[in-house]
Amino acid sequence: MAAHFSKTTTLQVEQLLRDHHVKPTSQRVVITSYLLSTEEHPSADEVYEQIRNNLPVRPSRATVYNTLNALVEAGVIREVTVDPKRVRYDANLDFHHHFVDLESGAIRDIPKEKVDEVKQSLGKNFTVDSYQVTFYGKIKG
């Protein structure tokens, strides 16, 4: 069964991988397609569960972990660590922050512009080289 993820075509994903000097194997294409199509920030196990039936031969968990590590090293995706016990993955490489729902564990992106006001309020006595903000709470409704 072929993978059908919505945001990008297989050709676009293959080119993205090539642009990052990653050979576009079927596993890499399916995993990258899934990550590009979701707003979630899945763990390696969640990626495995989502893609395992989208390949002619079911990949091992080790293949998924190795592929995710290769994609991170190549700069195609990034790791998100909002829980020290569980690494998650994000294909949104634009600088942004996160909100973590403490009840469900869901992670939502927050555009950097929303936090820039706080950074600007520090005044001229501070030089900020980098920052990453993670909010923790509960999503209402």
N, C-alpha and C. Protein backbone atom coordinates (compact mmCIF):
# COMPACT_ATOMS: atom_id res chain seq x y z
N MET A 1 0.84 -1.18 0.00
CA MET A 1 0.00 0.00 0.00
C MET A 1 0.89 1.24 0.00
N ALA A 2 0.61 2.21 -0.83
CA ALA A 2 1.40 3.43 -0.93
C ALA A 2 1.00 4.42 0.15
N ALA A 3 1.94 5.24 0.56
CA ALA A 3 1.64 6.26 1.55
C ALA A 3 0.88 7.40 0.89
N HIS A 4 -0.07 7.96 1.60
CA HIS A 4 -0.84 9.09 1.09
C HIS A 4 -0.85 10.18 2.16
N PHE A 5 0.18 10.99 2.19
CA PHE A 5 0.24 12.10 3.12
C PHE A 5 0.00 13.36 2.31
N SER A 6 -0.64 14.33 2.93
CA SER A 6 -1.30 15.39 2.19
C SER A 6 -0.44 16.55 1.69
N LYS A 7 0.51 17.05 2.43
CA LYS A 7 1.09 18.35 2.10
C LYS A 7 2.11 18.35 0.97
N THR A 8 2.81 17.26 0.76
CA THR A 8 3.86 17.25 -0.25
C THR A 8 3.75 16.00 -1.12
N THR A 9 4.24 16.12 -2.33
CA THR A 9 4.24 14.96 -3.22
C THR A 9 5.50 14.14 -2.97
N THR A 10 5.46 12.92 -3.43
CA THR A 10 6.63 12.04 -3.30
C THR A 10 7.84 12.66 -3.99
N LEU A 11 7.63 13.25 -5.17
CA LEU A 11 8.75 13.88 -5.89
C LEU A 11 9.34 15.05 -5.09
N GLN A 12 8.49 15.83 -4.44
CA GLN A 12 8.98 16.94 -3.62
C GLN A 12 9.80 16.43 -2.43
N VAL A 13 9.31 15.36 -1.81
CA VAL A 13 10.04 14.79 -0.67
C VAL A 13 11.38 14.21 -1.13
N GLU A 14 11.37 13.51 -2.24
CA GLU A 14 12.63 12.96 -2.77
C GLU A 14 13.63 14.08 -3.04
N GLN A 15 13.17 15.19 -3.62
CA GLN A 15 14.06 16.31 -3.90
C GLN A 15 14.56 16.95 -2.61
N LEU A 16 13.69 17.09 -1.62
CA LEU A 16 14.09 17.63 -0.32
C LEU A 16 15.22 16.79 0.28
N LEU A 17 15.05 15.48 0.22
CA LEU A 17 16.09 14.59 0.75
C LEU A 17 17.40 14.75 -0.03
N ARG A 18 17.30 14.78 -1.34
CA ARG A 18 18.51 14.96 -2.16
C ARG A 18 19.20 16.29 -1.84
N ASP A 19 18.38 17.34 -1.67
CA ASP A 19 18.94 18.66 -1.35
C ASP A 19 19.73 18.63 -0.04
N HIS A 20 19.37 17.70 0.85
CA HIS A 20 20.07 17.56 2.13
C HIS A 20 21.08 16.41 2.09
N HIS A 21 21.38 15.94 0.89
CA HIS A 21 22.38 14.87 0.68
C HIS A 21 21.99 13.57 1.38
N VAL A 22 20.68 13.28 1.34
CA VAL A 22 20.14 12.04 1.90
C VAL A 22 19.56 11.23 0.75
N LYS A 23 19.98 9.98 0.63
CA LYS A 23 19.45 9.11 -0.42
C LYS A 23 17.97 8.85 -0.14
N PRO A 24 17.10 9.11 -1.12
CA PRO A 24 15.65 8.97 -0.89
C PRO A 24 15.17 7.51 -0.99
N THR A 25 15.46 6.71 0.04
CA THR A 25 14.94 5.35 0.07
C THR A 25 13.44 5.39 0.35
N SER A 26 12.76 4.30 0.12
CA SER A 26 11.31 4.28 0.36
C SER A 26 10.98 4.58 1.82
N GLN A 27 11.78 4.06 2.76
CA GLN A 27 11.52 4.33 4.17
C GLN A 27 11.70 5.81 4.49
N ARG A 28 12.75 6.39 3.97
CA ARG A 28 13.02 7.81 4.25
C ARG A 28 11.94 8.69 3.64
N VAL A 29 11.49 8.35 2.45
CA VAL A 29 10.44 9.14 1.80
C VAL A 29 9.14 9.06 2.59
N VAL A 30 8.75 7.87 3.01
CA VAL A 30 7.50 7.70 3.75
C VAL A 30 7.58 8.40 5.10
N ILE A 31 8.68 8.24 5.81
CA ILE A 31 8.82 8.89 7.12
C ILE A 31 8.83 10.40 6.98
N THR A 32 9.58 10.92 6.02
CA THR A 32 9.63 12.37 5.80
C THR A 32 8.27 12.90 5.38
N SER A 33 7.58 12.20 4.50
CA SER A 33 6.24 12.62 4.07
C SER A 33 5.30 12.71 5.26
N TYR A 34 5.35 11.71 6.12
CA TYR A 34 4.49 11.74 7.30
C TYR A 34 4.81 12.94 8.19
N LEU A 35 6.08 13.16 8.46
CA LEU A 35 6.45 14.27 9.34
C LEU A 35 6.09 15.63 8.74
N LEU A 36 6.19 15.75 7.43
CA LEU A 36 5.82 17.01 6.78
C LEU A 36 4.31 17.23 6.77
N SER A 37 3.55 16.15 6.87
CA SER A 37 2.09 16.25 6.76
C SER A 37 1.39 16.47 8.09
N THR A 38 2.10 16.31 9.19
CA THR A 38 1.44 16.39 10.49
C THR A 38 1.86 17.63 11.26
N GLU A 39 0.94 18.17 12.03
CA GLU A 39 1.28 19.26 12.93
C GLU A 39 1.65 18.72 14.30
N GLU A 40 1.50 17.42 14.47
CA GLU A 40 1.89 16.77 15.72
C GLU A 40 3.41 16.72 15.80
N HIS A 41 3.91 16.38 16.94
CA HIS A 41 5.35 16.22 17.17
C HIS A 41 5.54 14.80 17.68
N PRO A 42 5.53 13.84 16.77
CA PRO A 42 5.50 12.43 17.18
C PRO A 42 6.84 11.92 17.71
N SER A 43 6.75 10.91 18.57
CA SER A 43 7.94 10.19 19.02
C SER A 43 8.30 9.18 17.93
N ALA A 44 9.45 8.54 18.08
CA ALA A 44 9.85 7.51 17.10
C ALA A 44 8.83 6.38 17.06
N ASP A 45 8.33 5.97 18.22
CA ASP A 45 7.33 4.90 18.24
C ASP A 45 6.04 5.32 17.54
N GLU A 46 5.65 6.58 17.71
CA GLU A 46 4.45 7.07 17.02
C GLU A 46 4.67 7.14 15.51
N VAL A 47 5.86 7.53 15.09
CA VAL A 47 6.17 7.52 13.66
C VAL A 47 6.06 6.10 13.13
N TYR A 48 6.64 5.16 13.85
CA TYR A 48 6.59 3.74 13.44
C TYR A 48 5.14 3.29 13.27
N GLU A 49 4.29 3.59 14.24
CA GLU A 49 2.89 3.16 14.17
C GLU A 49 2.17 3.78 12.98
N GLN A 50 2.50 5.01 12.64
CA GLN A 50 1.83 5.70 11.53
C GLN A 50 2.29 5.21 10.16
N ILE A 51 3.54 4.82 10.04
CA ILE A 51 4.07 4.50 8.69
C ILE A 51 4.22 3.02 8.40
N ARG A 52 4.10 2.19 9.41
CA ARG A 52 4.46 0.76 9.23
C ARG A 52 3.66 0.04 8.16
N ASN A 53 2.45 0.48 7.89
CA ASN A 53 1.63 -0.18 6.87
C ASN A 53 1.71 0.51 5.51
N ASN A 54 2.55 1.53 5.40
CA ASN A 54 2.66 2.29 4.16
C ASN A 54 3.86 1.90 3.31
N LEU A 55 4.48 0.79 3.64
CA LEU A 55 5.64 0.31 2.88
C LEU A 55 5.40 -1.13 2.47
N PRO A 56 5.95 -1.54 1.34
CA PRO A 56 5.77 -2.92 0.88
C PRO A 56 6.26 -3.95 1.91
N VAL A 57 7.34 -3.62 2.59
CA VAL A 57 7.88 -4.47 3.65
C VAL A 57 7.85 -3.65 4.93
N ARG A 58 7.22 -4.20 5.97
CA ARG A 58 7.12 -3.47 7.23
C ARG A 58 8.52 -3.21 7.79
N PRO A 59 8.83 -1.94 8.08
CA PRO A 59 10.17 -1.63 8.61
C PRO A 59 10.28 -2.04 10.07
N SER A 60 11.49 -2.27 10.52
CA SER A 60 11.72 -2.53 11.94
C SER A 60 11.72 -1.19 12.68
N ARG A 61 11.54 -1.26 13.98
CA ARG A 61 11.64 -0.03 14.79
C ARG A 61 13.04 0.56 14.66
N ALA A 62 14.05 -0.31 14.58
CA ALA A 62 15.43 0.17 14.44
C ALA A 62 15.60 0.98 13.16
N THR A 63 14.95 0.55 12.08
CA THR A 63 15.02 1.29 10.82
C THR A 63 14.41 2.67 10.99
N VAL A 64 13.29 2.75 11.69
CA VAL A 64 12.64 4.04 11.92
C VAL A 64 13.54 4.93 12.77
N TYR A 65 14.09 4.40 13.85
CA TYR A 65 14.99 5.19 14.71
C TYR A 65 16.21 5.66 13.92
N ASN A 66 16.82 4.77 13.16
CA ASN A 66 18.00 5.14 12.36
C ASN A 66 17.67 6.18 11.31
N THR A 67 16.50 6.05 10.68
CA THR A 67 16.09 7.02 9.67
C THR A 67 15.86 8.38 10.31
N LEU A 68 15.18 8.41 11.45
CA LEU A 68 14.94 9.68 12.14
C LEU A 68 16.27 10.34 12.52
N ASN A 69 17.20 9.57 13.02
CA ASN A 69 18.52 10.12 13.37
C ASN A 69 19.23 10.67 12.14
N ALA A 70 19.15 9.96 11.02
CA ALA A 70 19.78 10.44 9.78
C ALA A 70 19.13 11.73 9.30
N LEU A 71 17.81 11.82 9.42
CA LEU A 71 17.10 13.03 8.99
C LEU A 71 17.45 14.22 9.89
N VAL A 72 17.61 13.97 11.19
CA VAL A 72 18.03 15.04 12.10
C VAL A 72 19.44 15.49 11.75
N GLU A 73 20.36 14.55 11.58
CA GLU A 73 21.75 14.89 11.26
C GLU A 73 21.86 15.67 9.96
N ALA A 74 20.99 15.38 9.00
CA ALA A 74 21.03 16.06 7.71
C ALA A 74 20.32 17.41 7.74
N GLY A 75 19.59 17.70 8.82
CA GLY A 75 18.87 18.96 8.92
C GLY A 75 17.52 18.97 8.24
N VAL A 76 16.97 17.80 7.96
CA VAL A 76 15.64 17.71 7.34
C VAL A 76 14.56 17.92 8.39
N ILE A 77 14.78 17.40 9.59
CA ILE A 77 13.86 17.55 10.71
C ILE A 77 14.69 17.92 11.94
N ARG A 78 14.01 18.19 13.04
CA ARG A 78 14.75 18.43 14.28
C ARG A 78 14.11 17.68 15.43
N GLU A 79 14.91 17.45 16.45
CA GLU A 79 14.41 16.84 17.66
C GLU A 79 13.80 17.92 18.53
N VAL A 80 12.73 17.56 19.22
CA VAL A 80 12.09 18.44 20.18
C VAL A 80 12.08 17.69 21.51
N THR A 81 12.70 18.27 22.51
CA THR A 81 12.74 17.62 23.82
C THR A 81 12.01 18.50 24.82
N VAL A 82 10.74 18.23 25.02
CA VAL A 82 9.96 18.95 26.02
C VAL A 82 9.71 18.06 27.23
N ASP A 83 10.03 16.79 27.08
CA ASP A 83 9.94 15.79 28.14
C ASP A 83 11.26 15.02 28.09
N PRO A 84 12.05 15.07 29.16
CA PRO A 84 13.37 14.43 29.10
C PRO A 84 13.31 12.92 28.87
N LYS A 85 12.16 12.32 29.03
CA LYS A 85 12.03 10.88 28.84
C LYS A 85 11.68 10.49 27.41
N ARG A 86 11.34 11.48 26.58
CA ARG A 86 10.83 11.14 25.25
C ARG A 86 11.20 12.21 24.23
N VAL A 87 11.98 11.82 23.25
CA VAL A 87 12.33 12.73 22.15
C VAL A 87 11.19 12.70 21.14
N ARG A 88 10.86 13.87 20.63
CA ARG A 88 9.85 13.98 19.58
C ARG A 88 10.50 14.65 18.38
N TYR A 89 9.79 14.61 17.25
CA TYR A 89 10.38 15.10 16.00
C TYR A 89 9.47 16.13 15.37
N ASP A 90 10.09 17.11 14.71
CA ASP A 90 9.37 18.24 14.13
C ASP A 90 9.98 18.56 12.77
N ALA A 91 9.13 18.62 11.75
CA ALA A 91 9.60 18.99 10.41
C ALA A 91 9.51 20.49 10.18
N ASN A 92 8.92 21.22 11.12
CA ASN A 92 8.84 22.67 11.01
C ASN A 92 10.17 23.24 11.48
N LEU A 93 11.00 23.64 10.55
CA LEU A 93 12.34 24.14 10.88
C LEU A 93 12.37 25.64 11.10
N ASP A 94 11.24 26.32 10.86
CA ASP A 94 11.17 27.75 11.16
C ASP A 94 11.29 27.92 12.67
N PHE A 95 11.96 28.98 13.09
CA PHE A 95 12.13 29.21 14.52
C PHE A 95 10.76 29.43 15.14
N HIS A 96 10.45 28.65 16.16
CA HIS A 96 9.17 28.76 16.85
C HIS A 96 9.29 28.16 18.24
N HIS A 97 8.25 28.33 19.02
CA HIS A 97 8.22 27.84 20.38
C HIS A 97 7.12 26.78 20.49
N HIS A 98 6.96 26.23 21.70
CA HIS A 98 5.98 25.16 21.88
C HIS A 98 5.12 25.37 23.12
N PHE A 99 3.91 24.84 23.03
CA PHE A 99 3.01 24.72 24.18
C PHE A 99 2.74 23.24 24.37
N VAL A 100 2.93 22.73 25.59
CA VAL A 100 2.72 21.32 25.89
C VAL A 100 1.49 21.20 26.78
N ASP A 101 0.49 20.45 26.31
CA ASP A 101 -0.70 20.17 27.12
C ASP A 101 -0.33 19.09 28.13
N LEU A 102 -0.43 19.42 29.41
CA LEU A 102 -0.02 18.49 30.46
C LEU A 102 -0.96 17.30 30.61
N GLU A 103 -2.19 17.44 30.14
CA GLU A 103 -3.13 16.31 30.24
C GLU A 103 -2.94 15.31 29.11
N SER A 104 -2.85 15.80 27.89
CA SER A 104 -2.79 14.90 26.73
C SER A 104 -1.37 14.65 26.23
N GLY A 105 -0.45 15.54 26.58
CA GLY A 105 0.91 15.45 26.05
C GLY A 105 1.06 16.07 24.68
N ALA A 106 -0.04 16.61 24.13
CA ALA A 106 0.00 17.24 22.80
C ALA A 106 0.93 18.45 22.83
N ILE A 107 1.63 18.65 21.73
CA ILE A 107 2.54 19.78 21.59
C ILE A 107 2.03 20.64 20.44
N ARG A 108 1.89 21.92 20.69
CA ARG A 108 1.44 22.85 19.65
C ARG A 108 2.54 23.88 19.40
N ASP A 109 2.67 24.29 18.15
CA ASP A 109 3.64 25.32 17.79
C ASP A 109 3.10 26.69 18.16
N ILE A 110 4.01 27.55 18.61
CA ILE A 110 3.69 28.95 18.88
C ILE A 110 4.67 29.77 18.04
N PRO A 111 4.15 30.63 17.16
CA PRO A 111 5.05 31.44 16.32
C PRO A 111 5.97 32.30 17.19
N LYS A 112 7.19 32.49 16.73
CA LYS A 112 8.18 33.23 17.51
C LYS A 112 7.76 34.67 17.77
N GLU A 113 6.96 35.24 16.87
CA GLU A 113 6.54 36.63 17.02
C GLU A 113 5.79 36.86 18.33
N LYS A 114 5.08 35.84 18.79
CA LYS A 114 4.31 35.98 20.03
C LYS A 114 5.22 36.13 21.24
N VAL A 115 6.42 35.61 21.18
CA VAL A 115 7.36 35.66 22.30
C VAL A 115 8.38 36.78 22.11
N ASP A 116 8.53 37.28 20.90
CA ASP A 116 9.50 38.34 20.62
C ASP A 116 9.26 39.58 21.48
N GLU A 117 7.98 39.85 21.79
CA GLU A 117 7.67 41.03 22.61
C GLU A 117 8.35 40.92 23.97
N VAL A 118 8.37 39.73 24.55
CA VAL A 118 9.02 39.53 25.84
C VAL A 118 10.52 39.77 25.70
N LYS A 119 11.11 39.24 24.64
CA LYS A 119 12.54 39.43 24.40
C LYS A 119 12.87 40.92 24.26
N GLN A 120 12.03 41.64 23.53
CA GLN A 120 12.27 43.06 23.32
C GLN A 120 12.13 43.86 24.61
N SER A 121 11.30 43.37 25.53
CA SER A 121 11.08 44.09 26.78
C SER A 121 12.29 44.01 27.72
N LEU A 122 13.27 43.17 27.41
CA LEU A 122 14.47 43.08 28.23
C LEU A 122 15.29 44.36 28.19
N GLY A 123 15.13 45.13 27.15
CA GLY A 123 15.83 46.40 27.04
C GLY A 123 17.23 46.26 26.48
N LYS A 124 17.95 47.34 26.53
CA LYS A 124 19.27 47.40 25.90
C LYS A 124 20.38 46.84 26.79
N ASN A 125 20.08 46.49 28.02
CA ASN A 125 21.11 45.97 28.92
C ASN A 125 21.38 44.48 28.71
N PHE A 126 20.64 43.86 27.81
CA PHE A 126 20.79 42.43 27.57
C PHE A 126 21.06 42.17 26.09
N THR A 127 21.93 41.21 25.82
CA THR A 127 22.14 40.72 24.47
C THR A 127 21.73 39.26 24.46
N VAL A 128 20.74 38.94 23.66
CA VAL A 128 20.23 37.57 23.59
C VAL A 128 20.82 36.91 22.35
N ASP A 129 21.55 35.82 22.54
CA ASP A 129 22.14 35.09 21.42
C ASP A 129 21.18 34.05 20.87
N SER A 130 20.46 33.38 21.75
CA SER A 130 19.45 32.42 21.31
C SER A 130 18.52 32.14 22.48
N TYR A 131 17.36 31.58 22.16
CA TYR A 131 16.40 31.21 23.20
C TYR A 131 15.38 30.25 22.62
N GLN A 132 14.80 29.48 23.50
CA GLN A 132 13.73 28.57 23.13
C GLN A 132 12.76 28.56 24.30
N VAL A 133 11.49 28.79 24.02
CA VAL A 133 10.48 28.87 25.07
C VAL A 133 9.50 27.71 24.91
N THR A 134 9.22 27.05 26.03
CA THR A 134 8.20 26.01 26.04
C THR A 134 7.23 26.34 27.16
N PHE A 135 5.96 26.49 26.80
CA PHE A 135 4.91 26.71 27.79
C PHE A 135 4.30 25.36 28.14
N TYR A 136 3.94 25.20 29.40
CA TYR A 136 3.27 23.98 29.86
C TYR A 136 1.95 24.37 30.50
N GLY A 137 0.88 23.66 30.17
CA GLY A 137 -0.42 23.97 30.74
C GLY A 137 -1.48 23.03 30.20
N LYS A 138 -2.69 23.54 30.12
CA LYS A 138 -3.81 22.73 29.64
C LYS A 138 -4.53 23.46 28.52
N ILE A 139 -4.85 22.73 27.48
CA ILE A 139 -5.62 23.29 26.37
C ILE A 139 -7.08 23.29 26.78
N LYS A 140 -7.72 24.45 26.74
CA LYS A 140 -9.13 24.53 27.12
C LYS A 140 -10.01 24.05 25.99
N GLY A 141 -11.10 23.43 26.38
CA GLY A 141 -12.11 23.02 25.39
C GLY A 141 -11.82 21.75 24.79
